[in-house]
Amino acid sequence: MPAPKPKAKGRATKDKWKSKHWYNVMSPEMFNRQKVAETLCDEPEKLIGRVAEVTVQDINGDFSKMHIKLRFKVNDIRGSEAHTYFIGHDMSSDYVRRMTRRRKSKIDMVVDTRTRDDYIIRLKPLAISGNRVRSSQQSAIRHIMNVTLTDFCSTKPLDEVVKAIISGQLAKIAASACKPIHPLQRVEIQKSEILKAGFIPELPAEAEDGEPIATEISEEVPAAAESEVIEAAEEITPESDTQ
């Protein structure tokens, strides 16, 4: 009787979790470079490009700003710290839905503009009126809001623009400018997005926990798209009366 064949040994599997390390995700300079999240990774280079989303409440503890979500993108690694820069913000969908009610007009639009430090930023303001607004008035409100936001952003660096968005200052300026056309019950900058990065402050040359990983930031839009962005910021195409 032939001897039984020995059983093949199972292939040894490597535990990938043991090779991973925790990294602290740090907020940009405009938010005082504080720790906002943690992430796991086996190689520091793989952290470049990751996006962290946190609320304003997570940063300053303000409960009234918990509906504002900030988005940071990792662009530099220093030891166990992953440093980021601001790429945009958004408001929670339930907060936006609570503002819209029956027998009210919702006026939204898109404004592409350039800041003083050469960031091209896309803003999406939202205006709510206490009653119905005619389509001609809506077009006038959109035009005034476009001019107001463009003028404000062109004279401010990105960090001041972001702070004005979070604090509500920019929305108040837009609401005051539109008041002669029709009083607005609520104005919010619903969303923002960085289309092209300008000057990003560099970290100090000396790292505490290790040498930095050199990275390049590429947030540029194609040349054709960039020209469309600048043209859209200078003029508004009137909308039809179907709204």
Protein backbone atom coordinates (compact mmCIF):
# COMPACT_ATOMS: atom_id res chain seq x y z
CA MET A 1 0.00 0.00 0.00
CA PRO A 2 1.53 3.30 -1.08
CA ALA A 3 2.36 5.78 1.66
CA PRO A 4 0.05 8.81 1.83
CA LYS A 5 1.43 12.00 0.33
CA PRO A 6 2.36 14.66 2.85
CA LYS A 7 0.01 17.60 2.97
CA ALA A 8 1.28 20.81 1.46
CA LYS A 9 2.02 23.48 4.00
CA GLY A 10 -0.16 26.59 3.83
CA ARG A 11 1.44 29.66 2.35
CA ALA A 12 2.56 32.06 5.02
CA THR A 13 0.60 35.29 4.92
CA LYS A 14 2.10 38.57 5.97
CA ASP A 15 0.07 40.73 8.32
CA LYS A 16 -0.05 44.10 6.56
CA TRP A 17 -1.44 45.87 9.61
CA LYS A 18 1.77 45.30 11.55
CA SER A 19 3.74 47.30 8.98
CA LYS A 20 1.42 50.31 9.18
CA HIS A 21 1.93 53.34 11.39
CA TRP A 22 -0.32 56.07 12.70
CA TYR A 23 0.09 59.60 11.33
CA ASN A 24 -1.43 62.79 12.68
CA VAL A 25 -3.24 64.88 10.07
CA MET A 26 -2.52 68.56 10.72
CA SER A 27 -4.69 71.49 9.62
CA PRO A 28 -3.24 74.27 7.39
CA GLU A 29 -1.55 77.40 8.72
CA MET A 30 -4.84 79.37 8.57
CA PHE A 31 -6.21 76.95 11.20
CA ASN A 32 -3.05 77.03 13.38
CA ARG A 33 -1.65 73.68 12.22
CA GLN A 34 -3.45 71.65 14.86
CA LYS A 35 -4.20 67.94 14.83
CA VAL A 36 -7.58 67.24 13.23
CA ALA A 37 -7.45 63.51 12.43
CA GLU A 38 -5.37 60.33 12.40
CA THR A 39 -4.68 57.93 9.57
CA LEU A 40 -2.87 54.63 9.01
CA CYS A 41 -0.27 54.02 6.31
CA ASP A 42 2.69 51.69 5.71
CA GLU A 43 4.70 54.20 3.63
CA PRO A 44 4.71 57.98 4.12
CA GLU A 45 4.70 58.61 0.36
CA LYS A 46 1.27 56.99 0.10
CA LEU A 47 -0.23 59.70 2.31
CA ILE A 48 0.36 62.40 -0.30
CA GLY A 49 -2.95 63.34 -1.88
CA ARG A 50 -5.22 61.96 0.83
CA VAL A 51 -8.17 64.19 1.71
CA ALA A 52 -9.41 64.73 5.28
CA GLU A 53 -12.87 66.14 5.97
CA VAL A 54 -13.58 67.74 9.36
CA THR A 55 -16.18 70.14 10.71
CA VAL A 56 -15.48 73.60 12.05
CA GLN A 57 -16.64 72.33 15.44
CA ASP A 58 -13.77 69.80 15.43
CA ILE A 59 -11.29 72.68 15.06
CA ASN A 60 -12.57 75.44 17.34
CA GLY A 61 -15.32 73.70 19.34
CA ASP A 62 -18.05 76.05 18.06
CA PHE A 63 -21.23 73.96 18.13
CA SER A 64 -23.09 76.45 15.91
CA LYS A 65 -20.67 75.70 13.04
CA MET A 66 -21.00 71.92 13.09
CA HIS A 67 -22.79 72.00 9.71
CA ILE A 68 -19.72 73.43 7.92
CA LYS A 69 -17.37 70.73 6.62
CA LEU A 70 -13.79 71.64 5.68
CA ARG A 71 -11.67 69.61 3.26
CA PHE A 72 -7.88 69.42 3.60
CA LYS A 73 -5.45 67.66 1.25
CA VAL A 74 -2.12 66.17 2.41
CA ASN A 75 0.89 67.65 0.61
CA ASP A 76 3.83 67.20 3.02
CA ILE A 77 5.02 64.63 5.58
CA ARG A 78 7.15 65.59 8.58
CA GLY A 79 7.95 62.58 10.73
CA SER A 80 4.60 61.35 12.05
CA GLU A 81 2.74 64.50 10.94
CA ALA A 82 0.86 64.81 7.65
CA HIS A 83 0.51 68.49 6.77
CA THR A 84 -2.31 69.72 4.57
CA TYR A 85 -3.69 72.69 2.67
CA PHE A 86 -7.26 73.91 2.20
CA ILE A 87 -9.11 72.69 -0.92
CA GLY A 88 -12.72 73.66 -0.17
CA HIS A 89 -15.70 73.50 2.14
CA ASP A 90 -19.29 72.30 2.04
CA MET A 91 -22.44 72.49 4.14
CA SER A 92 -24.36 69.45 5.28
CA SER A 93 -27.38 68.62 3.13
CA ASP A 94 -29.81 68.55 6.07
CA TYR A 95 -28.81 72.12 7.03
CA VAL A 96 -29.52 73.33 3.49
CA ARG A 97 -32.86 71.52 3.38
CA ARG A 98 -33.98 73.17 6.61
CA MET A 99 -33.52 76.62 5.05
CA THR A 100 -35.77 75.93 2.06
CA ARG A 101 -39.49 76.11 2.74
CA ARG A 102 -42.71 76.50 0.78
CA ARG A 103 -43.64 79.84 -0.73
CA LYS A 104 -40.01 80.93 -0.69
CA SER A 105 -37.56 81.44 -3.53
CA LYS A 106 -34.20 79.71 -3.57
CA ILE A 107 -31.56 81.62 -5.52
CA ASP A 108 -28.25 79.88 -6.12
CA MET A 109 -25.37 80.46 -8.52
CA VAL A 110 -21.68 79.78 -9.17
CA VAL A 111 -18.96 82.44 -8.94
CA ASP A 112 -15.39 81.76 -10.12
CA THR A 113 -12.95 84.41 -8.94
CA ARG A 114 -9.29 84.98 -8.10
CA THR A 115 -7.90 85.92 -4.71
CA ARG A 116 -5.08 88.38 -4.05
CA ASP A 117 -2.55 85.54 -3.69
CA ASP A 118 -3.53 84.03 -7.08
CA TYR A 119 -5.85 81.26 -5.96
CA ILE A 120 -8.75 80.61 -8.31
CA ILE A 121 -11.68 79.71 -6.09
CA ARG A 122 -15.22 78.65 -6.98
CA LEU A 123 -17.95 79.90 -4.66
CA LYS A 124 -21.54 78.67 -4.62
CA PRO A 125 -23.69 81.18 -2.72
CA LEU A 126 -27.27 80.40 -1.74
CA ALA A 127 -29.95 83.02 -1.02
CA ILE A 128 -33.39 82.40 0.48
CA SER A 129 -36.13 85.04 0.26
CA GLY A 130 -39.11 85.38 2.57
CA ASN A 131 -41.56 85.26 -0.34
CA ARG A 132 -41.68 84.65 -4.06
CA VAL A 133 -39.18 86.59 -6.18
CA ARG A 134 -39.69 87.38 -9.87
CA SER A 135 -37.21 85.92 -12.34
CA SER A 136 -35.99 89.40 -13.33
CA GLN A 137 -35.20 90.15 -9.67
CA GLN A 138 -33.40 86.83 -9.35
CA SER A 139 -31.19 87.73 -12.32
CA ALA A 140 -30.40 91.12 -10.78
CA ILE A 141 -29.56 89.49 -7.43
CA ARG A 142 -27.23 87.01 -9.14
CA HIS A 143 -25.44 89.81 -10.97
CA ILE A 144 -24.96 91.92 -7.83
CA MET A 145 -23.80 88.89 -5.86
CA ASN A 146 -21.28 87.99 -8.56
CA VAL A 147 -19.78 91.50 -8.57
CA THR A 148 -19.74 91.71 -4.76
CA LEU A 149 -18.01 88.36 -4.21
CA THR A 150 -15.51 88.98 -7.02
CA ASP A 151 -14.55 92.41 -5.65
CA PHE A 152 -14.16 91.06 -2.11
CA CYS A 153 -12.01 88.07 -3.05
CA SER A 154 -9.75 90.05 -5.39
CA THR A 155 -8.56 92.23 -2.50
CA LYS A 156 -8.09 89.47 0.11
CA PRO A 157 -5.72 86.49 0.44
CA LEU A 158 -7.21 83.02 0.63
CA ASP A 159 -7.00 82.69 4.43
CA GLU A 160 -9.05 85.88 4.93
CA VAL A 161 -11.60 84.74 2.34
CA VAL A 162 -12.01 81.38 4.10
CA LYS A 163 -12.39 83.04 7.49
CA ALA A 164 -15.02 85.41 6.04
CA ILE A 165 -16.92 82.41 4.65
CA ILE A 166 -16.87 80.48 7.94
CA SER A 167 -17.78 83.48 10.11
CA GLY A 168 -20.63 84.50 7.79
CA GLN A 169 -19.11 87.91 7.06
CA LEU A 170 -19.00 87.33 3.30
CA ALA A 171 -22.65 86.22 3.25
CA LYS A 172 -23.69 89.37 5.16
CA ILE A 173 -21.85 91.59 2.67
CA ALA A 174 -23.62 89.87 -0.23
CA ALA A 175 -27.02 90.14 1.51
CA SER A 176 -26.55 93.88 2.16
CA ALA A 177 -25.60 94.50 -1.47
CA CYS A 178 -28.74 92.71 -2.72
CA LYS A 179 -31.13 94.41 -0.28
CA PRO A 180 -32.14 97.26 -2.66
CA ILE A 181 -33.38 94.67 -5.17
CA HIS A 182 -35.26 92.45 -2.71
CA PRO A 183 -34.75 91.73 1.01
CA LEU A 184 -33.24 88.29 1.55
CA GLN A 185 -34.08 86.19 4.57
CA ARG A 186 -30.90 84.11 4.50
CA VAL A 187 -27.64 84.10 2.52
CA GLU A 188 -25.00 81.39 2.84
CA ILE A 189 -21.85 80.42 0.94
CA GLN A 190 -22.99 76.87 0.46
CA LYS A 191 -19.81 75.48 -1.07
CA SER A 192 -16.31 76.49 -2.12
CA GLU A 193 -13.65 74.75 -4.16
CA ILE A 194 -10.05 75.58 -5.04
CA LEU A 195 -9.68 75.34 -8.82
CA LYS A 196 -6.05 76.48 -8.94
CA ALA A 197 -3.63 76.74 -6.05
CA GLY A 198 -1.66 79.94 -5.60
CA PHE A 199 1.06 80.62 -3.02
CA ILE A 200 1.12 77.91 -0.33
CA PRO A 201 3.20 78.78 2.78
CA GLU A 202 6.11 76.42 3.29
CA LEU A 203 6.86 74.68 6.57
CA PRO A 204 10.04 75.50 8.51
CA ALA A 205 13.16 73.91 7.06
CA GLU A 206 13.99 71.98 10.22
CA ALA A 207 11.72 69.04 10.97
CA GLU A 208 11.18 67.76 14.49
CA ASP A 209 10.68 64.06 13.78
CA GLY A 210 12.48 63.58 10.49
CA GLU A 211 13.29 64.98 7.08
CA PRO A 212 10.40 66.24 4.97
CA ILE A 213 9.31 64.48 1.83
CA ALA A 214 9.56 66.81 -1.12
CA THR A 215 6.26 67.13 -2.91
CA GLU A 216 4.77 69.11 -5.71
CA ILE A 217 1.28 70.55 -5.61
CA SER A 218 -0.61 70.49 -8.86
CA GLU A 219 -4.08 71.97 -8.53
CA GLU A 220 -4.19 73.63 -11.93
CA VAL A 221 -7.07 73.35 -14.30
CA PRO A 222 -6.39 73.03 -18.06
CA ALA A 223 -5.59 76.25 -19.89
CA ALA A 224 -8.89 76.24 -21.75
CA ALA A 225 -10.83 75.67 -18.56
CA GLU A 226 -8.87 78.41 -16.77
CA SER A 227 -9.81 80.98 -19.41
CA GLU A 228 -13.45 79.97 -19.02
CA VAL A 229 -13.16 80.45 -15.26
CA ILE A 230 -11.85 84.00 -15.61
CA GLU A 231 -14.46 84.88 -18.23
CA ALA A 232 -17.25 83.50 -16.06
CA ALA A 233 -16.11 85.72 -13.19
CA GLU A 234 -16.34 88.85 -15.36
CA GLU A 235 -19.77 88.43 -16.90
CA ILE A 236 -23.02 86.65 -16.15
CA THR A 237 -25.24 85.14 -18.78
CA PRO A 238 -28.85 86.16 -18.07
CA GLU A 239 -31.04 83.22 -17.15
CA SER A 240 -34.37 82.44 -18.69
CA ASP A 241 -37.68 83.24 -16.96
CA THR A 242 -38.42 79.58 -16.40
CA GLN A 243 -37.14 79.69 -12.82
